Amino acid sequence: MRVEVAPAQPQDRRAVAHLVRAELGYASLDEERLLGRIARMDADSAYSVHVAKLDGRIVGFVACQRGIALERDGDTLRILALAVDRASQCKGVGSALLAEAEKRAASFSASAVVLSSGAQRTAAHEFYQKRGYEKRGFSFTKRL
């Protein structure tokens, strides 16, 4: 099976929302509001959402944001989310999505690709570390 990665289209938004809710543990998110956020990303050139397909079915996605970091020269690419359907894991889908994010970063000569991953996602941490990503710190959130 060959993984196909392409920019998400408006008709892909529900599949992306499903993956956010089912695979990233955000089942309680309101789907319509989530779809609205995905649409806002589609309309802003600083963001990109790509989907991965196996046999024509969307089985994963990566959402990224181009930005500026204070601690390093050059722009950075932040991976906001990367998810693969459980049944499609260990088939090269995550690697293909990560490669797409890195390709986007290279397109604007980014100095780094950065991401956050929940402390409980130990398999994801191993996945990223095997691909050259370094564990650099902690992420904190305060809801307003």
Protein backbone atom coordinates (compact mmCIF):
# COMPACT_ATOMS: atom_id res chain seq x y z
CA MET A 1 0.00 0.00 0.00
CA ARG A 2 1.25 3.42 -0.98
CA VAL A 3 0.56 6.41 1.25
CA GLU A 4 -0.65 9.48 -0.64
CA VAL A 5 -0.25 12.86 1.07
CA ALA A 6 -1.96 15.97 -0.29
CA PRO A 7 -3.25 19.33 0.91
CA ALA A 8 -6.59 18.93 2.66
CA GLN A 9 -9.59 20.01 0.64
CA PRO A 10 -12.82 21.45 2.09
CA GLN A 11 -14.49 18.04 1.68
CA ASP A 12 -11.74 16.50 3.87
CA ARG A 13 -12.53 18.61 6.94
CA ARG A 14 -14.96 16.11 8.51
CA ALA A 15 -12.40 13.31 8.23
CA VAL A 16 -9.77 15.55 9.86
CA ALA A 17 -12.22 16.48 12.62
CA HIS A 18 -12.99 12.79 13.17
CA LEU A 19 -9.27 12.03 13.60
CA VAL A 20 -8.84 14.94 16.04
CA ARG A 21 -11.71 13.65 18.14
CA ALA A 22 -11.05 9.90 17.85
CA GLU A 23 -7.26 9.62 17.77
CA LEU A 24 -6.07 12.65 19.70
CA GLY A 25 -8.49 12.18 22.57
CA TYR A 26 -10.67 15.24 22.06
CA ALA A 27 -13.99 13.39 21.73
CA SER A 28 -15.85 16.09 23.63
CA LEU A 29 -14.96 18.86 21.15
CA ASP A 30 -17.96 20.33 19.38
CA GLU A 31 -17.62 19.12 15.79
CA GLU A 32 -19.05 22.24 14.14
CA ARG A 33 -16.72 24.53 16.07
CA LEU A 34 -13.78 22.27 15.21
CA LEU A 35 -14.76 22.35 11.53
CA GLY A 36 -14.84 26.15 11.77
CA ARG A 37 -11.29 26.23 13.12
CA ILE A 38 -10.09 23.96 10.32
CA ALA A 39 -11.77 26.27 7.78
CA ARG A 40 -10.01 29.28 9.36
CA MET A 41 -6.68 27.47 8.97
CA ASP A 42 -7.46 26.78 5.31
CA ALA A 43 -8.01 30.51 4.76
CA ASP A 44 -4.73 31.60 6.39
CA SER A 45 -1.48 31.06 4.46
CA ALA A 46 0.50 30.67 7.72
CA TYR A 47 -1.29 27.35 8.25
CA SER A 48 -1.37 24.13 6.30
CA VAL A 49 -3.33 20.93 6.71
CA HIS A 50 -2.35 17.82 4.76
CA VAL A 51 -4.15 14.50 4.70
CA ALA A 52 -2.78 11.01 4.15
CA LYS A 53 -4.75 8.43 2.21
CA LEU A 54 -4.44 4.68 1.93
CA ASP A 55 -6.58 3.07 -0.78
CA GLY A 56 -8.32 6.43 -1.27
CA ARG A 57 -9.44 6.70 2.38
CA ILE A 58 -8.18 9.46 4.68
CA VAL A 59 -6.28 7.77 7.51
CA GLY A 60 -4.20 10.64 8.89
CA PHE A 61 -3.45 14.34 8.85
CA VAL A 62 -0.87 16.90 9.90
CA ALA A 63 -1.67 20.54 10.70
CA CYS A 64 1.19 23.06 10.73
CA GLN A 65 1.81 26.74 11.34
CA ARG A 66 4.65 28.88 10.04
CA GLY A 67 5.90 31.24 12.69
CA ILE A 68 8.68 33.25 14.23
CA ALA A 69 10.61 32.15 17.30
CA LEU A 70 12.49 34.47 19.61
CA GLU A 71 15.16 31.91 20.46
CA ARG A 72 16.40 31.16 16.94
CA ASP A 73 17.02 32.88 13.64
CA GLY A 74 14.72 32.10 10.75
CA ASP A 75 11.11 31.06 10.71
CA THR A 76 9.95 27.85 12.33
CA LEU A 77 7.29 25.34 11.46
CA ARG A 78 5.14 24.24 14.37
CA ILE A 79 3.29 20.97 14.01
CA LEU A 80 -0.02 21.70 15.70
CA ALA A 81 -1.36 18.16 15.37
CA LEU A 82 -0.48 14.90 13.69
CA ALA A 83 -2.79 11.90 13.92
CA VAL A 84 -3.11 8.52 12.23
CA ASP A 85 -6.09 6.21 12.44
CA ARG A 86 -5.23 3.38 14.86
CA ALA A 87 -5.80 0.68 12.23
CA SER A 88 -3.37 2.43 9.87
CA GLN A 89 -0.50 2.96 12.27
CA CYS A 90 2.89 1.32 11.60
CA LYS A 91 2.24 1.50 7.84
CA GLY A 92 4.35 4.57 7.06
CA VAL A 93 1.49 7.06 7.32
CA GLY A 94 2.94 9.07 10.21
CA SER A 95 6.37 9.11 8.58
CA ALA A 96 4.86 10.36 5.32
CA LEU A 97 2.97 13.13 7.13
CA LEU A 98 6.08 14.16 9.07
CA ALA A 99 8.08 14.22 5.82
CA GLU A 100 5.41 16.49 4.30
CA ALA A 101 5.69 18.88 7.26
CA GLU A 102 9.48 18.91 6.92
CA LYS A 103 9.15 19.54 3.18
CA ARG A 104 6.93 22.55 3.90
CA ALA A 105 9.49 23.80 6.44
CA ALA A 106 12.27 23.46 3.85
CA SER A 107 10.19 25.42 1.31
CA PHE A 108 10.66 28.57 3.36
CA SER A 109 14.08 27.68 4.79
CA ALA A 110 12.80 27.16 8.32
CA SER A 111 15.44 26.87 10.99
CA ALA A 112 13.49 24.22 12.93
CA VAL A 113 10.36 22.11 13.14
CA VAL A 114 8.83 22.15 16.62
CA LEU A 115 5.91 20.35 18.22
CA SER A 116 4.33 19.53 21.55
CA SER A 117 3.18 16.08 22.55
CA GLY A 118 1.14 15.10 25.58
CA ALA A 119 3.13 13.48 28.42
CA GLN A 120 0.98 10.34 28.13
CA ARG A 121 1.80 9.84 24.43
CA THR A 122 4.95 7.79 24.97
CA ALA A 123 4.63 5.93 21.66
CA ALA A 124 4.47 9.28 19.85
CA HIS A 125 7.56 10.48 21.72
CA GLU A 126 9.45 7.40 20.55
CA PHE A 127 8.19 7.96 16.99
CA TYR A 128 9.52 11.54 16.93
CA GLN A 129 12.82 10.71 18.61
CA LYS A 130 13.52 7.94 16.10
CA ARG A 131 13.15 10.58 13.40
CA GLY A 132 15.66 12.99 14.89
CA TYR A 133 13.45 15.13 17.14
CA GLU A 134 14.85 16.06 20.55
CA LYS A 135 12.86 16.27 23.74
CA ARG A 136 13.50 19.86 24.86
CA GLY A 137 11.14 20.76 27.68
CA PHE A 138 7.62 20.93 28.96
CA SER A 139 4.45 22.48 27.66
CA PHE A 140 2.07 24.33 29.96
CA THR A 141 -1.50 25.49 29.37
CA LYS A 142 -3.74 27.87 31.27
CA ARG A 143 -7.34 27.99 30.12
CA LEU A 144 -8.89 31.46 29.93
